[in-house]
C-alpha atoms as a PDB file:
ATOM      1  CA  MET A   1      -0.356   0.125  -0.084  1.00  0.00           C
ATOM      2  CA  ARG A   2       2.779   2.553   0.862  1.00  0.00           C
ATOM      3  CA  ALA A   3       4.502   1.914  -2.619  1.00  0.00           C
ATOM      4  CA  SER A   4       1.183   2.767  -4.300  1.00  0.00           C
ATOM      5  CA  ARG A   5       0.664   6.347  -2.435  1.00  0.00           C
ATOM      6  CA  SER A   6       4.325   7.095  -3.442  1.00  0.00           C
ATOM      7  CA  LEU A   7       3.960   6.216  -6.786  1.00  0.00           C
ATOM      8  CA  ALA A   8       1.262   8.257  -6.787  1.00  0.00           C
ATOM      9  CA  ALA A   9       2.960  11.527  -5.219  1.00  0.00           C
ATOM     10  CA  LEU A  10       5.840  11.033  -7.467  1.00  0.00           C
ATOM     11  CA  THR A  11       3.371  10.805 -10.424  1.00  0.00           C
ATOM     12  CA  GLY A  12       1.302  13.937  -9.503  1.00  0.00           C
ATOM     13  CA  ILE A  13       4.622  16.188  -8.770  1.00  0.00           C
ATOM     14  CA  ALA A  14       5.658  15.028 -12.447  1.00  0.00           C
ATOM     15  CA  VAL A  15       2.576  15.503 -14.096  1.00  0.00           C
ATOM     16  CA  LEU A  16       2.836  19.177 -12.119  1.00  0.00           C
ATOM     17  CA  GLY A  17       5.993  19.804 -13.523  1.00  0.00           C
ATOM     18  CA  ILE A  18       5.262  19.252 -16.879  1.00  0.00           C
ATOM     19  CA  ALA A  19       2.030  21.427 -16.503  1.00  0.00           C
ATOM     20  CA  LEU A  20       4.035  24.443 -15.605  1.00  0.00           C
ATOM     21  CA  THR A  21       6.577  23.908 -18.071  1.00  0.00           C
ATOM     22  CA  ALA A  22       4.452  23.666 -20.980  1.00  0.00           C
ATOM     23  CA  CYS A  23       2.366  27.038 -19.431  1.00  0.00           C
ATOM     24  CA  GLN A  24       5.701  29.016 -19.385  1.00  0.00           C
ATOM     25  CA  ASP A  25       5.274  32.553 -20.495  1.00  0.00           C
ATOM     26  CA  GLN A  26       8.968  34.193 -20.236  1.00  0.00           C
ATOM     27  CA  ALA A  27      12.341  32.680 -21.798  1.00  0.00           C
ATOM     28  CA  SER A  28      14.337  31.754 -19.230  1.00  0.00           C
ATOM     29  CA  GLY A  29      17.746  33.365 -19.293  1.00  0.00           C
ATOM     30  CA  THR A  30      19.451  36.788 -20.504  1.00  0.00           C
ATOM     31  CA  ILE A  31      20.002  38.805 -23.554  1.00  0.00           C
ATOM     32  CA  VAL A  32      22.648  40.885 -23.553  1.00  0.00           C
ATOM     33  CA  ALA A  33      22.709  43.840 -26.183  1.00  0.00           C
ATOM     34  CA  ARG A  34      25.691  46.319 -26.690  1.00  0.00           C
ATOM     35  CA  HIS A  35      26.830  49.140 -28.839  1.00  0.00           C
ATOM     36  CA  ASP A  36      30.198  48.424 -30.009  1.00  0.00           C
ATOM     37  CA  ALA A  37      32.130  47.712 -27.016  1.00  0.00           C
ATOM     38  CA  ARG A  38      29.542  49.622 -24.568  1.00  0.00           C
ATOM     39  CA  LEU A  39      26.670  47.631 -22.940  1.00  0.00           C
ATOM     40  CA  VAL A  40      23.495  49.171 -23.470  1.00  0.00           C
ATOM     41  CA  GLU A  41      21.035  46.433 -21.713  1.00  0.00           C
ATOM     42  CA  THR A  42      20.649  43.083 -20.040  1.00  0.00           C
ATOM     43  CA  ILE A  43      17.007  41.763 -20.387  1.00  0.00           C
ATOM     44  CA  SER A  44      16.245  38.537 -18.036  1.00  0.00           C
ATOM     45  CA  ASN A  45      13.375  36.049 -18.564  1.00  0.00           C
ATOM     46  CA  PRO A  46      11.672  38.573 -21.181  1.00  0.00           C
ATOM     47  CA  PRO A  47       7.793  37.647 -22.051  1.00  0.00           C
ATOM     48  CA  ILE A  48       7.478  35.387 -25.003  1.00  0.00           C
ATOM     49  CA  HIS A  49       4.374  36.837 -26.500  1.00  0.00           C
ATOM     50  CA  ARG A  50       5.570  40.419 -27.346  1.00  0.00           C
ATOM     51  CA  CYS A  51       7.604  42.699 -29.035  1.00  0.00           C
ATOM     52  CA  HIS A  52      11.019  44.149 -27.132  1.00  0.00           C
ATOM     53  CA  ARG A  53      12.440  47.455 -27.973  1.00  0.00           C
ATOM     54  CA  PHE A  54      16.005  48.035 -26.723  1.00  0.00           C
ATOM     55  CA  VAL A  55      16.629  51.722 -25.311  1.00  0.00           C
ATOM     56  CA  GLU A  56      18.755  52.496 -28.115  1.00  0.00           C
ATOM     57  CA  GLY A  57      20.103  50.706 -31.468  1.00  0.00           C
ATOM     58  CA  VAL A  58      22.502  48.046 -30.767  1.00  0.00           C
ATOM     59  CA  THR A  59      25.278  46.400 -32.848  1.00  0.00           C
ATOM     60  CA  ARG A  60      25.855  42.868 -31.028  1.00  0.00           C
ATOM     61  CA  VAL A  61      23.030  40.995 -29.332  1.00  0.00           C
ATOM     62  CA  ASP A  62      24.038  37.783 -27.151  1.00  0.00           C
ATOM     63  CA  ASN A  63      21.190  35.321 -26.759  1.00  0.00           C
ATOM     64  CA  HIS A  64      21.674  33.291 -23.371  1.00  0.00           C
ATOM     65  CA  THR A  65      18.133  32.266 -22.755  1.00  0.00           C
ATOM     66  CA  GLN A  66      16.561  28.743 -23.683  1.00  0.00           C
ATOM     67  CA  SER A  67      14.542  30.568 -26.813  1.00  0.00           C
ATOM     68  CA  ASN A  68      15.559  31.461 -30.533  1.00  0.00           C
ATOM     69  CA  LEU A  69      15.315  35.060 -30.951  1.00  0.00           C
ATOM     70  CA  LEU A  70      14.272  37.099 -34.030  1.00  0.00           C
ATOM     71  CA  LEU A  71      15.985  40.741 -34.161  1.00  0.00           C
ATOM     72  CA  TYR A  72      14.545  43.685 -36.431  1.00  0.00           C
ATOM     73  CA  THR A  73      15.857  46.870 -37.230  1.00  0.00           C
ATOM     74  CA  THR A  74      12.567  48.858 -36.642  1.00  0.00           C
ATOM     75  CA  PRO A  75      11.506  49.480 -33.167  1.00  0.00           C
ATOM     76  CA  ASP A  76       8.143  47.533 -33.311  1.00  0.00           C
ATOM     77  CA  CYS A  77       9.640  44.270 -34.618  1.00  0.00           C
ATOM     78  CA  THR A  78       8.412  44.552 -38.096  1.00  0.00           C
ATOM     79  CA  VAL A  79      10.139  44.041 -41.040  1.00  0.00           C
ATOM     80  CA  PRO A  80      11.008  46.909 -43.380  1.00  0.00           C
ATOM     81  CA  PRO A  81      10.011  46.634 -47.003  1.00  0.00           C
ATOM     82  CA  GLY A  82      13.274  45.343 -49.002  1.00  0.00           C
ATOM     83  CA  GLY A  83      14.395  44.304 -45.458  1.00  0.00           C
ATOM     84  CA  ALA A  84      14.296  41.124 -43.307  1.00  0.00           C
ATOM     85  CA  SER A  85      14.592  40.008 -39.790  1.00  0.00           C
ATOM     86  CA  ASN A  86      17.573  37.921 -38.377  1.00  0.00           C
ATOM     87  CA  TYR A  87      17.027  34.808 -36.577  1.00  0.00           C
ATOM     88  CA  LEU A  88      19.285  34.299 -33.573  1.00  0.00           C
ATOM     89  CA  ASP A  89      19.773  30.619 -32.199  1.00  0.00           C
ATOM     90  CA  ILE A  90      20.201  29.983 -28.563  1.00  0.00           C
ATOM     91  CA  GLY A  91      23.224  30.499 -26.885  1.00  0.00           C
ATOM     92  CA  GLY A  92      23.944  32.646 -30.118  1.00  0.00           C
ATOM     93  CA  ALA A  93      25.700  36.022 -30.895  1.00  0.00           C
ATOM     94  CA  ASP A  94      25.235  38.081 -33.822  1.00  0.00           C
ATOM     95  CA  GLU A  95      26.741  41.658 -34.892  1.00  0.00           C
ATOM     96  CA  VAL A  96      24.824  43.472 -37.346  1.00  0.00           C
ATOM     97  CA  VAL A  97      25.764  44.645 -40.833  1.00  0.00           C
ATOM     98  CA  ARG A  98      26.614  48.032 -40.777  1.00  0.00           C
ATOM     99  CA  SER A  99      24.474  48.558 -44.404  1.00  0.00           C
ATOM    100  CA  THR A 100      21.495  47.026 -42.423  1.00  0.00           C
ATOM    101  CA  GLY A 101      21.345  49.722 -39.455  1.00  0.00           C
ATOM    102  CA  LEU A 102      21.145  48.976 -35.953  1.00  0.00           C
ATOM    103  CA  TRP A 103      19.108  45.866 -34.011  1.00  0.00           C
ATOM    104  CA  ARG A 104      16.200  47.750 -32.839  1.00  0.00           C
ATOM    105  CA  SER A 105      13.671  45.305 -31.443  1.00  0.00           C
ATOM    106  CA  PHE A 106      13.149  41.341 -30.823  1.00  0.00           C
ATOM    107  CA  SER A 107      11.324  38.778 -30.442  1.00  0.00           C
ATOM    108  CA  ILE A 108      11.053  35.529 -28.999  1.00  0.00           C
ATOM    109  CA  ALA A 109      10.715  32.975 -32.349  1.00  0.00           C
ATOM    110  CA  PRO A 110       8.096  30.324 -32.799  1.00  0.00           C
ATOM    111  CA  ASP A 111       8.923  26.662 -31.883  1.00  0.00           C
END
């Protein structure tokens, strides 16, 4: 009898853990934004369902989250005519190409 109660308790804890992970509304980790060598800002655990605007244009973004990012040269996470967003993998870093302009915003890439 005791083994079945323990098993039931462990199963309940596992199910709760899976449910909490599936409902996560934040990207775990930090995003570091720089303009040349100067640190502009560090963003921790950003919400996943919105556009995030950098406080100023940045030349380098380091993704230390558990999510992929999309980087934009516009402040509202839109792609300008003839432009493109840039995909940044988990644990990756990206330096802007001067001809495209500075990174001004980012969003969490859909899975």
